[in-house]
Amino acid sequence: MPRATHHLPAGQVIYRAGSEGLAWRVADGVVRLDTAGKDGEPAFASLAIRGDILGCETLLLGAYTFSASALTPCCLTPWPEGAGRPTGEILLESLTLAQRRSAELVALRGGHAADRVLGLIRLLADGAGRVILPTRQDIADITALRFETISRIIKRFERMQILSPLRIAGVHANRGFRIGCVPGG
C-alpha cells in the first residue's frame, strides 16, 4: 500500500527520537533535527532541506535517532520513491549532501553575527531569492546567537533592503522575504 505525501505547517512535530517510523524525502520546506540536551530539552542538531532524506536510519535501526519538526511549511514524500535510480546511489548522494550541510551549519555557529544570519538565509533561499525564515528563536538556536540579536539583525537587513517582505500564501507575514542586494557580497 503506497504511503501518502505529508503537507505540514511550520512548527508541526514530524517524529520523535526513539519512535518507530519510515523514511521520508523533503520535497519542500525546512526541517529541524534535534537531539536531547543535557536537561532533556531539545537541542539543535541539524537541518534538512529540499531533497534531503529524513529517517533513513529506521531502515537499519528500526527507530529515529533525532526528533524532527517543520521549521517552515513542509512537504514530505515517502522514501524510497520506487523505481528509478538504485536506492543505495540515492542514499549515498543524500549522505554527501548532508555532510556538506553539516559543514555549512558549523560555519553558521562562529564569526560575525550578521554574517551567520545571512549565511543561514542564503542556505534556506530558493533559486528565485525567496526565503521563508524560521522563527527568530529557531534562527537563534541554529546560529548560536540570542533571540534579541536575531531580531535586531533582521530589522537591520530590512532597513538595508537586504531582505524585502514578500507575501507567500500560507506563510506568516513576517517570515516571507525576497533577498535583495547584499553590500560587499
N, C-alpha and C. Protein backbone atom coordinates (compact mmCIF):
# COMPACT_ATOMS: atom_id res chain seq x y z
N MET A 1 0.84 -1.18 0.00
CA MET A 1 0.00 0.00 0.00
C MET A 1 0.89 1.25 0.00
N PRO A 2 0.70 2.16 -0.97
CA PRO A 2 1.56 3.35 -1.03
C PRO A 2 1.32 4.29 0.14
N ARG A 3 2.42 4.92 0.59
CA ARG A 3 2.32 5.91 1.66
C ARG A 3 1.99 7.26 1.05
N ALA A 4 1.27 8.05 1.79
CA ALA A 4 0.83 9.36 1.29
C ALA A 4 1.89 10.43 1.53
N THR A 5 1.85 11.45 0.69
CA THR A 5 2.66 12.64 0.88
C THR A 5 2.09 13.40 2.07
N HIS A 6 2.96 13.98 2.89
CA HIS A 6 2.53 14.75 4.06
C HIS A 6 2.82 16.23 3.84
N HIS A 7 1.79 17.06 4.03
CA HIS A 7 1.94 18.51 4.00
C HIS A 7 1.81 18.98 5.45
N LEU A 8 2.85 19.65 5.96
CA LEU A 8 2.89 20.01 7.37
C LEU A 8 3.07 21.51 7.55
N PRO A 9 2.36 22.09 8.51
CA PRO A 9 2.56 23.52 8.80
C PRO A 9 3.84 23.72 9.61
N ALA A 10 4.36 24.94 9.59
CA ALA A 10 5.52 25.27 10.41
C ALA A 10 5.20 24.97 11.86
N GLY A 11 6.16 24.39 12.56
CA GLY A 11 6.00 24.07 13.98
C GLY A 11 5.50 22.66 14.24
N GLN A 12 5.03 21.97 13.24
CA GLN A 12 4.47 20.62 13.40
C GLN A 12 5.59 19.62 13.70
N VAL A 13 5.40 18.81 14.74
CA VAL A 13 6.34 17.72 15.04
C VAL A 13 6.14 16.64 13.98
N ILE A 14 7.23 16.19 13.40
CA ILE A 14 7.17 15.14 12.37
C ILE A 14 7.34 13.77 13.03
N TYR A 15 8.36 13.65 13.88
CA TYR A 15 8.56 12.43 14.66
C TYR A 15 9.48 12.74 15.82
N ARG A 16 9.50 11.84 16.78
CA ARG A 16 10.34 12.00 17.97
C ARG A 16 11.41 10.91 17.99
N ALA A 17 12.58 11.25 18.52
CA ALA A 17 13.68 10.30 18.65
C ALA A 17 13.20 9.07 19.43
N GLY A 18 13.61 7.91 18.97
CA GLY A 18 13.26 6.65 19.63
C GLY A 18 11.98 6.02 19.13
N SER A 19 11.16 6.78 18.40
CA SER A 19 9.93 6.21 17.88
C SER A 19 10.21 5.46 16.58
N GLU A 20 9.32 4.52 16.28
CA GLU A 20 9.45 3.76 15.04
C GLU A 20 8.79 4.55 13.92
N GLY A 21 9.27 4.34 12.72
CA GLY A 21 8.67 5.03 11.59
C GLY A 21 9.38 4.71 10.30
N LEU A 22 9.07 5.51 9.31
CA LEU A 22 9.57 5.29 7.96
C LEU A 22 10.46 6.46 7.52
N ALA A 23 11.13 6.27 6.41
CA ALA A 23 11.99 7.32 5.86
C ALA A 23 11.19 8.21 4.92
N TRP A 24 11.62 9.49 4.84
CA TRP A 24 10.93 10.50 4.03
C TRP A 24 11.94 11.35 3.29
N ARG A 25 11.53 11.91 2.16
CA ARG A 25 12.33 12.91 1.45
C ARG A 25 11.64 14.25 1.63
N VAL A 26 12.43 15.29 1.89
CA VAL A 26 11.89 16.64 2.00
C VAL A 26 11.68 17.15 0.56
N ALA A 27 10.41 17.26 0.16
CA ALA A 27 10.08 17.76 -1.18
C ALA A 27 10.08 19.28 -1.19
N ASP A 28 9.74 19.88 -0.05
CA ASP A 28 9.73 21.33 0.06
C ASP A 28 9.77 21.70 1.53
N GLY A 29 10.42 22.82 1.84
CA GLY A 29 10.48 23.30 3.21
C GLY A 29 11.79 22.99 3.91
N VAL A 30 11.79 23.28 5.22
CA VAL A 30 12.98 23.10 6.04
C VAL A 30 12.58 22.36 7.31
N VAL A 31 13.33 21.34 7.66
CA VAL A 31 13.07 20.52 8.84
C VAL A 31 14.21 20.70 9.83
N ARG A 32 13.86 20.90 11.09
CA ARG A 32 14.84 20.99 12.17
C ARG A 32 14.97 19.62 12.83
N LEU A 33 16.21 19.19 13.02
CA LEU A 33 16.50 17.94 13.72
C LEU A 33 17.11 18.29 15.07
N ASP A 34 16.58 17.67 16.11
CA ASP A 34 17.04 17.92 17.47
C ASP A 34 17.45 16.62 18.15
N THR A 35 18.36 16.76 19.08
CA THR A 35 18.75 15.68 19.97
C THR A 35 18.35 16.12 21.38
N ALA A 36 18.38 15.23 22.32
CA ALA A 36 18.05 15.60 23.70
C ALA A 36 19.25 16.29 24.33
N GLY A 37 19.03 17.49 24.88
CA GLY A 37 20.09 18.23 25.55
C GLY A 37 20.35 17.68 26.94
N LYS A 38 21.28 18.28 27.64
CA LYS A 38 21.65 17.84 28.99
C LYS A 38 20.46 17.84 29.94
N ASP A 39 19.58 18.82 29.77
CA ASP A 39 18.42 18.94 30.65
C ASP A 39 17.20 18.20 30.10
N GLY A 40 17.39 17.43 29.03
CA GLY A 40 16.28 16.70 28.43
C GLY A 40 15.49 17.52 27.42
N GLU A 41 15.78 18.81 27.35
CA GLU A 41 15.11 19.69 26.39
C GLU A 41 15.73 19.48 25.01
N PRO A 42 14.96 19.73 23.95
CA PRO A 42 15.51 19.59 22.60
C PRO A 42 16.69 20.53 22.39
N ALA A 43 17.73 20.02 21.73
CA ALA A 43 18.91 20.81 21.40
C ALA A 43 19.15 20.68 19.91
N PHE A 44 19.35 21.82 19.23
CA PHE A 44 19.54 21.82 17.78
C PHE A 44 20.67 20.88 17.38
N ALA A 45 20.41 20.04 16.36
CA ALA A 45 21.42 19.13 15.85
C ALA A 45 21.74 19.39 14.39
N SER A 46 20.70 19.62 13.55
CA SER A 46 20.94 19.80 12.13
C SER A 46 19.68 20.29 11.44
N LEU A 47 19.79 20.52 10.13
CA LEU A 47 18.67 20.90 9.28
C LEU A 47 18.58 19.94 8.11
N ALA A 48 17.38 19.76 7.61
CA ALA A 48 17.16 19.05 6.35
C ALA A 48 16.36 19.99 5.46
N ILE A 49 16.80 20.11 4.21
CA ILE A 49 16.11 20.98 3.27
C ILE A 49 15.72 20.16 2.04
N ARG A 50 15.11 20.85 1.07
CA ARG A 50 14.59 20.19 -0.13
C ARG A 50 15.60 19.19 -0.70
N GLY A 51 15.11 17.97 -0.92
CA GLY A 51 15.94 16.91 -1.50
C GLY A 51 16.56 15.98 -0.47
N ASP A 52 16.66 16.41 0.78
CA ASP A 52 17.28 15.58 1.81
C ASP A 52 16.35 14.43 2.22
N ILE A 53 16.96 13.36 2.71
CA ILE A 53 16.22 12.20 3.21
C ILE A 53 16.22 12.25 4.73
N LEU A 54 15.05 12.04 5.31
CA LEU A 54 14.89 12.03 6.77
C LEU A 54 14.58 10.61 7.24
N GLY A 55 15.14 10.23 8.34
CA GLY A 55 14.75 8.98 8.98
C GLY A 55 15.24 7.72 8.31
N CYS A 56 16.24 7.80 7.45
CA CYS A 56 16.72 6.58 6.78
C CYS A 56 17.33 5.60 7.78
N GLU A 57 17.70 6.12 8.97
CA GLU A 57 18.27 5.23 10.00
C GLU A 57 17.26 4.19 10.47
N THR A 58 15.96 4.46 10.26
CA THR A 58 14.94 3.49 10.68
C THR A 58 15.03 2.21 9.86
N LEU A 59 15.58 2.29 8.66
CA LEU A 59 15.74 1.10 7.83
C LEU A 59 16.74 0.13 8.43
N LEU A 60 17.70 0.65 9.19
CA LEU A 60 18.73 -0.18 9.82
C LEU A 60 18.46 -0.39 11.31
N LEU A 61 18.10 0.70 12.00
CA LEU A 61 17.97 0.65 13.45
C LEU A 61 16.54 0.42 13.94
N GLY A 62 15.57 0.66 13.08
CA GLY A 62 14.18 0.46 13.45
C GLY A 62 13.55 1.63 14.19
N ALA A 63 14.33 2.67 14.51
CA ALA A 63 13.79 3.83 15.23
C ALA A 63 14.54 5.08 14.79
N TYR A 64 13.88 6.23 15.00
CA TYR A 64 14.51 7.51 14.66
C TYR A 64 15.58 7.88 15.68
N THR A 65 16.68 8.45 15.21
CA THR A 65 17.77 8.89 16.05
C THR A 65 17.52 10.29 16.60
N PHE A 66 16.92 11.15 15.78
CA PHE A 66 16.65 12.54 16.15
C PHE A 66 15.15 12.78 16.20
N SER A 67 14.77 13.88 16.81
CA SER A 67 13.39 14.37 16.71
C SER A 67 13.38 15.36 15.56
N ALA A 68 12.27 15.42 14.82
CA ALA A 68 12.17 16.29 13.66
C ALA A 68 10.90 17.13 13.74
N SER A 69 11.03 18.40 13.36
CA SER A 69 9.86 19.28 13.29
C SER A 69 10.00 20.21 12.10
N ALA A 70 8.88 20.65 11.56
CA ALA A 70 8.87 21.54 10.40
C ALA A 70 9.21 22.96 10.85
N LEU A 71 10.30 23.51 10.33
CA LEU A 71 10.64 24.91 10.63
C LEU A 71 9.81 25.86 9.77
N THR A 72 9.52 25.42 8.57
CA THR A 72 8.69 26.18 7.64
C THR A 72 7.63 25.20 7.15
N PRO A 73 6.61 25.67 6.44
CA PRO A 73 5.67 24.70 5.86
C PRO A 73 6.46 23.69 5.04
N CYS A 74 6.15 22.41 5.18
CA CYS A 74 6.91 21.34 4.55
C CYS A 74 6.02 20.38 3.79
N CYS A 75 6.62 19.77 2.80
CA CYS A 75 6.00 18.66 2.09
C CYS A 75 7.00 17.51 2.14
N LEU A 76 6.57 16.38 2.68
CA LEU A 76 7.41 15.19 2.77
C LEU A 76 6.81 14.10 1.90
N THR A 77 7.67 13.42 1.14
CA THR A 77 7.22 12.31 0.32
C THR A 77 7.88 11.03 0.82
N PRO A 78 7.22 9.90 0.64
CA PRO A 78 7.80 8.63 1.10
C PRO A 78 9.13 8.35 0.42
N TRP A 79 10.04 7.70 1.16
CA TRP A 79 11.32 7.29 0.60
C TRP A 79 11.61 5.87 1.04
N PRO A 80 12.09 4.99 0.21
CA PRO A 80 12.46 5.21 -1.18
C PRO A 80 11.22 5.43 -2.05
N GLU A 81 11.44 6.16 -3.15
CA GLU A 81 10.35 6.57 -4.02
C GLU A 81 9.84 5.46 -4.92
N GLY A 82 10.60 4.41 -5.13
CA GLY A 82 10.16 3.34 -6.02
C GLY A 82 11.16 3.15 -7.14
N ALA A 83 10.66 2.85 -8.32
CA ALA A 83 11.52 2.57 -9.48
C ALA A 83 12.33 3.80 -9.84
N GLY A 84 13.44 3.59 -10.48
CA GLY A 84 14.31 4.69 -10.87
C GLY A 84 15.74 4.35 -10.50
N ARG A 85 16.48 5.35 -10.07
CA ARG A 85 17.87 5.13 -9.66
C ARG A 85 17.91 4.17 -8.48
N PRO A 86 18.98 3.40 -8.37
CA PRO A 86 19.10 2.48 -7.22
C PRO A 86 19.08 3.24 -5.89
N THR A 87 18.38 2.66 -4.91
CA THR A 87 18.23 3.28 -3.60
C THR A 87 19.58 3.58 -2.96
N GLY A 88 20.55 2.69 -3.07
CA GLY A 88 21.87 2.90 -2.48
C GLY A 88 22.55 4.13 -3.05
N GLU A 89 22.43 4.33 -4.35
CA GLU A 89 23.02 5.50 -5.01
C GLU A 89 22.37 6.79 -4.49
N ILE A 90 21.06 6.78 -4.38
CA ILE A 90 20.33 7.96 -3.88
C ILE A 90 20.72 8.24 -2.43
N LEU A 91 20.83 7.19 -1.62
CA LEU A 91 21.20 7.36 -0.22
C LEU A 91 22.61 7.93 -0.09
N LEU A 92 23.55 7.44 -0.88
CA LEU A 92 24.92 7.97 -0.83
C LEU A 92 24.95 9.44 -1.24
N GLU A 93 24.17 9.80 -2.26
CA GLU A 93 24.08 11.20 -2.68
C GLU A 93 23.51 12.06 -1.54
N SER A 94 22.48 11.55 -0.88
CA SER A 94 21.87 12.28 0.24
C SER A 94 22.85 12.43 1.40
N LEU A 95 23.61 11.40 1.68
CA LEU A 95 24.58 11.47 2.77
C LEU A 95 25.69 12.48 2.45
N THR A 96 26.09 12.55 1.18
CA THR A 96 27.10 13.52 0.77
C THR A 96 26.57 14.94 0.97
N LEU A 97 25.32 15.18 0.56
CA LEU A 97 24.71 16.50 0.76
C LEU A 97 24.58 16.82 2.24
N ALA A 98 24.24 15.83 3.05
CA ALA A 98 24.10 16.04 4.50
C ALA A 98 25.44 16.42 5.12
N GLN A 99 26.53 15.81 4.66
CA GLN A 99 27.85 16.18 5.17
C GLN A 99 28.20 17.61 4.80
N ARG A 100 27.90 18.01 3.57
CA ARG A 100 28.16 19.39 3.14
C ARG A 100 27.33 20.36 3.98
N ARG A 101 26.05 20.03 4.20
CA ARG A 101 25.19 20.88 5.01
C ARG A 101 25.70 20.97 6.45
N SER A 102 26.20 19.87 6.96
CA SER A 102 26.75 19.87 8.31
C SER A 102 27.90 20.86 8.42
N ALA A 103 28.78 20.87 7.42
CA ALA A 103 29.89 21.82 7.41
C ALA A 103 29.38 23.25 7.33
N GLU A 104 28.33 23.48 6.51
CA GLU A 104 27.74 24.82 6.40
C GLU A 104 27.15 25.26 7.74
N LEU A 105 26.50 24.32 8.45
CA LEU A 105 25.89 24.66 9.73
C LEU A 105 26.94 24.96 10.80
N VAL A 106 28.06 24.25 10.77
CA VAL A 106 29.14 24.54 11.71
C VAL A 106 29.64 25.96 11.48
N ALA A 107 29.76 26.36 10.22
CA ALA A 107 30.22 27.72 9.89
C ALA A 107 29.24 28.77 10.38
N LEU A 108 27.96 28.42 10.49
CA LEU A 108 26.95 29.37 10.95
C LEU A 108 27.01 29.60 12.46
N ARG A 109 27.84 28.89 13.16
CA ARG A 109 27.89 28.99 14.62
C ARG A 109 29.13 29.76 15.09
N GLY A 110 29.86 30.37 14.16
CA GLY A 110 31.03 31.16 14.51
C GLY A 110 31.18 32.33 13.57
N GLY A 111 31.87 33.36 14.01
CA GLY A 111 32.09 34.54 13.19
C GLY A 111 31.14 35.67 13.56
N HIS A 112 31.09 36.69 12.70
CA HIS A 112 30.24 37.86 12.95
C HIS A 112 28.77 37.46 12.91
N ALA A 113 27.99 37.99 13.82
CA ALA A 113 26.58 37.63 13.95
C ALA A 113 25.81 37.85 12.65
N ALA A 114 25.96 39.02 12.04
CA ALA A 114 25.21 39.32 10.81
C ALA A 114 25.60 38.36 9.69
N ASP A 115 26.87 37.99 9.59
CA ASP A 115 27.31 37.04 8.57
C ASP A 115 26.70 35.66 8.80
N ARG A 116 26.56 35.27 10.06
CA ARG A 116 25.96 33.98 10.38
C ARG A 116 24.51 33.93 9.96
N VAL A 117 23.77 35.00 10.27
CA VAL A 117 22.35 35.06 9.91
C VAL A 117 22.20 35.10 8.39
N LEU A 118 23.01 35.90 7.72
CA LEU A 118 22.96 35.99 6.27
C LEU A 118 23.31 34.63 5.64
N GLY A 119 24.27 33.93 6.20
CA GLY A 119 24.62 32.60 5.70
C GLY A 119 23.44 31.64 5.79
N LEU A 120 22.71 31.68 6.89
CA LEU A 120 21.53 30.82 7.04
C LEU A 120 20.46 31.22 6.04
N ILE A 121 20.23 32.51 5.87
CA ILE A 121 19.23 32.98 4.91
C ILE A 121 19.57 32.48 3.51
N ARG A 122 20.82 32.58 3.13
CA ARG A 122 21.24 32.11 1.80
C ARG A 122 21.07 30.60 1.66
N LEU A 123 21.34 29.85 2.73
CA LEU A 123 21.17 28.40 2.71
C LEU A 123 19.71 28.02 2.49
N LEU A 124 18.80 28.79 3.06
CA LEU A 124 17.38 28.47 3.00
C LEU A 124 16.66 29.04 1.78
N ALA A 125 17.28 29.98 1.08
CA ALA A 125 16.61 30.64 -0.06
C ALA A 125 16.46 29.70 -1.25
N ASP A 126 15.39 29.93 -2.01
CA ASP A 126 15.22 29.16 -3.24
C ASP A 126 15.97 29.84 -4.38
N GLY A 127 15.92 29.27 -5.56
CA GLY A 127 16.66 29.80 -6.70
C GLY A 127 16.21 31.18 -7.14
N ALA A 128 14.98 31.58 -6.77
CA ALA A 128 14.45 32.89 -7.15
C ALA A 128 14.73 33.96 -6.09
N GLY A 129 15.48 33.59 -5.04
CA GLY A 129 15.80 34.56 -3.99
C GLY A 129 14.71 34.76 -2.97
N ARG A 130 13.76 33.84 -2.91
CA ARG A 130 12.72 33.89 -1.89
C ARG A 130 13.13 33.01 -0.73
N VAL A 131 12.76 33.45 0.46
CA VAL A 131 13.09 32.66 1.65
C VAL A 131 11.96 32.76 2.66
N ILE A 132 11.64 31.64 3.26
CA ILE A 132 10.73 31.61 4.40
C ILE A 132 11.61 31.40 5.61
N LEU A 133 11.67 32.42 6.47
CA LEU A 133 12.54 32.32 7.64
C LEU A 133 11.89 31.47 8.72
N PRO A 134 12.68 30.68 9.41
CA PRO A 134 12.18 30.02 10.62
C PRO A 134 11.87 31.09 11.66
N THR A 135 11.33 30.69 12.80
CA THR A 135 11.09 31.65 13.87
C THR A 135 12.41 32.25 14.31
N ARG A 136 12.35 33.41 14.92
CA ARG A 136 13.56 34.06 15.41
C ARG A 136 14.28 33.17 16.41
N GLN A 137 13.52 32.45 17.24
CA GLN A 137 14.14 31.55 18.22
C GLN A 137 14.87 30.41 17.53
N ASP A 138 14.27 29.85 16.48
CA ASP A 138 14.94 28.78 15.74
C ASP A 138 16.22 29.30 15.09
N ILE A 139 16.17 30.51 14.52
CA ILE A 139 17.38 31.09 13.93
C ILE A 139 18.45 31.26 15.01
N ALA A 140 18.04 31.70 16.20
CA ALA A 140 18.98 31.85 17.31
C ALA A 140 19.60 30.51 17.68
N ASP A 141 18.79 29.47 17.75
CA ASP A 141 19.31 28.14 18.08
C ASP A 141 20.31 27.65 17.03
N ILE A 142 19.99 27.86 15.78
CA ILE A 142 20.83 27.37 14.68
C ILE A 142 22.16 28.12 14.63
N THR A 143 22.13 29.43 14.85
CA THR A 143 23.33 30.26 14.72
C THR A 143 24.07 30.48 16.04
N ALA A 144 23.55 29.94 17.14
CA ALA A 144 24.14 30.11 18.47
C ALA A 144 24.21 31.59 18.86
N LEU A 145 23.15 32.31 18.53
CA LEU A 145 23.03 33.73 18.89
C LEU A 145 21.80 33.90 19.77
N ARG A 146 21.64 35.09 20.33
CA ARG A 146 20.49 35.38 21.19
C ARG A 146 19.31 35.85 20.34
N PHE A 147 18.11 35.56 20.81
CA PHE A 147 16.87 35.97 20.14
C PHE A 147 16.90 37.46 19.82
N GLU A 148 17.30 38.27 20.78
CA GLU A 148 17.31 39.72 20.59
C GLU A 148 18.27 40.13 19.48
N THR A 149 19.39 39.45 19.40
CA THR A 149 20.37 39.73 18.35
C THR A 149 19.78 39.42 16.98
N ILE A 150 19.08 38.30 16.87
CA ILE A 150 18.44 37.91 15.62
C ILE A 150 17.42 38.97 15.20
N SER A 151 16.60 39.40 16.12
CA SER A 151 15.58 40.41 15.81
C SER A 151 16.22 41.70 15.29
N ARG A 152 17.28 42.16 15.95
CA ARG A 152 17.98 43.38 15.51
C ARG A 152 18.57 43.21 14.12
N ILE A 153 19.20 42.08 13.86
CA ILE A 153 19.84 41.83 12.57
C ILE A 153 18.80 41.79 11.45
N ILE A 154 17.70 41.11 11.67
CA ILE A 154 16.67 41.02 10.62
C ILE A 154 16.07 42.39 10.34
N LYS A 155 15.81 43.17 11.38
CA LYS A 155 15.30 44.54 11.19
C LYS A 155 16.33 45.37 10.40
N ARG A 156 17.61 45.23 10.73
CA ARG A 156 18.66 45.96 10.01
C ARG A 156 18.71 45.52 8.55
N PHE A 157 18.58 44.21 8.30
CA PHE A 157 18.56 43.71 6.92
C PHE A 157 17.38 44.29 6.15
N GLU A 158 16.24 44.46 6.82
CA GLU A 158 15.07 45.06 6.15
C GLU A 158 15.35 46.53 5.83
N ARG A 159 15.90 47.28 6.77
CA ARG A 159 16.22 48.70 6.53
C ARG A 159 17.21 48.86 5.39
N MET A 160 18.17 47.94 5.31
CA MET A 160 19.19 47.99 4.27
C MET A 160 18.70 47.37 2.95
N GLN A 161 17.49 46.86 2.94
CA GLN A 161 16.86 46.20 1.79
C GLN A 161 17.60 44.94 1.35
N ILE A 162 18.32 44.35 2.29
CA ILE A 162 18.88 43.02 2.04
C ILE A 162 17.74 42.02 2.04
N LEU A 163 16.75 42.26 2.92
CA LEU A 163 15.52 41.48 2.96
C LEU A 163 14.35 42.40 2.70
N SER A 164 13.49 42.00 1.77
CA SER A 164 12.26 42.74 1.49
C SER A 164 11.09 41.82 1.79
N PRO A 165 10.14 42.29 2.60
CA PRO A 165 8.97 41.45 2.90
C PRO A 165 8.29 40.96 1.63
N LEU A 166 7.85 39.73 1.63
CA LEU A 166 7.22 39.11 0.48
C LEU A 166 6.03 38.30 0.96
N ARG A 167 4.90 38.53 0.37
CA ARG A 167 3.70 37.78 0.74
C ARG A 167 3.76 36.41 0.08
N ILE A 168 3.76 35.37 0.89
CA ILE A 168 3.77 33.99 0.41
C ILE A 168 2.56 33.30 1.00
N ALA A 169 1.72 32.75 0.15
CA ALA A 169 0.47 32.12 0.59
C ALA A 169 0.75 31.08 1.67
N GLY A 170 0.00 31.17 2.77
CA GLY A 170 0.11 30.20 3.85
C GLY A 170 1.27 30.43 4.81
N VAL A 171 1.99 31.55 4.63
CA VAL A 171 3.15 31.84 5.47
C VAL A 171 2.88 33.12 6.24
N HIS A 172 3.19 33.12 7.54
CA HIS A 172 3.00 34.30 8.38
C HIS A 172 3.71 35.50 7.75
N ALA A 173 3.08 36.65 7.82
CA ALA A 173 3.54 37.85 7.12
C ALA A 173 4.98 38.24 7.44
N ASN A 174 5.47 37.99 8.65
CA ASN A 174 6.84 38.43 8.98
C ASN A 174 7.89 37.35 8.74
N ARG A 175 7.53 36.32 7.96
CA ARG A 175 8.51 35.25 7.71
C ARG A 175 8.88 35.08 6.25
N GLY A 176 8.13 35.68 5.31
CA GLY A 176 8.43 35.56 3.90
C GLY A 176 9.20 36.78 3.40
N PHE A 177 10.32 36.54 2.70
CA PHE A 177 11.16 37.62 2.22
C PHE A 177 11.73 37.31 0.85
N ARG A 178 12.15 38.37 0.17
CA ARG A 178 12.96 38.26 -1.04
C ARG A 178 14.32 38.83 -0.67
N ILE A 179 15.37 38.15 -1.09
CA ILE A 179 16.73 38.62 -0.80
C ILE A 179 17.11 39.65 -1.85
N GLY A 180 17.55 40.83 -1.38
CA GLY A 180 17.99 41.90 -2.27
C GLY A 180 19.49 41.91 -2.39
N CYS A 181 20.02 43.05 -2.72
CA CYS A 181 21.47 43.21 -2.86
C CYS A 181 22.14 43.19 -1.50
N VAL A 182 23.22 42.46 -1.41
CA VAL A 182 23.99 42.38 -0.18
C VAL A 182 25.26 43.21 -0.38
N PRO A 183 25.43 44.29 0.42
CA PRO A 183 26.64 45.11 0.28
C PRO A 183 27.89 44.25 0.43
N GLY A 184 28.82 44.43 -0.50
CA GLY A 184 30.09 43.70 -0.42
C GLY A 184 29.97 42.23 -0.69
N GLY A 185 28.80 41.73 -1.15
CA GLY A 185 28.63 40.29 -1.32
C GLY A 185 28.12 39.89 -2.58
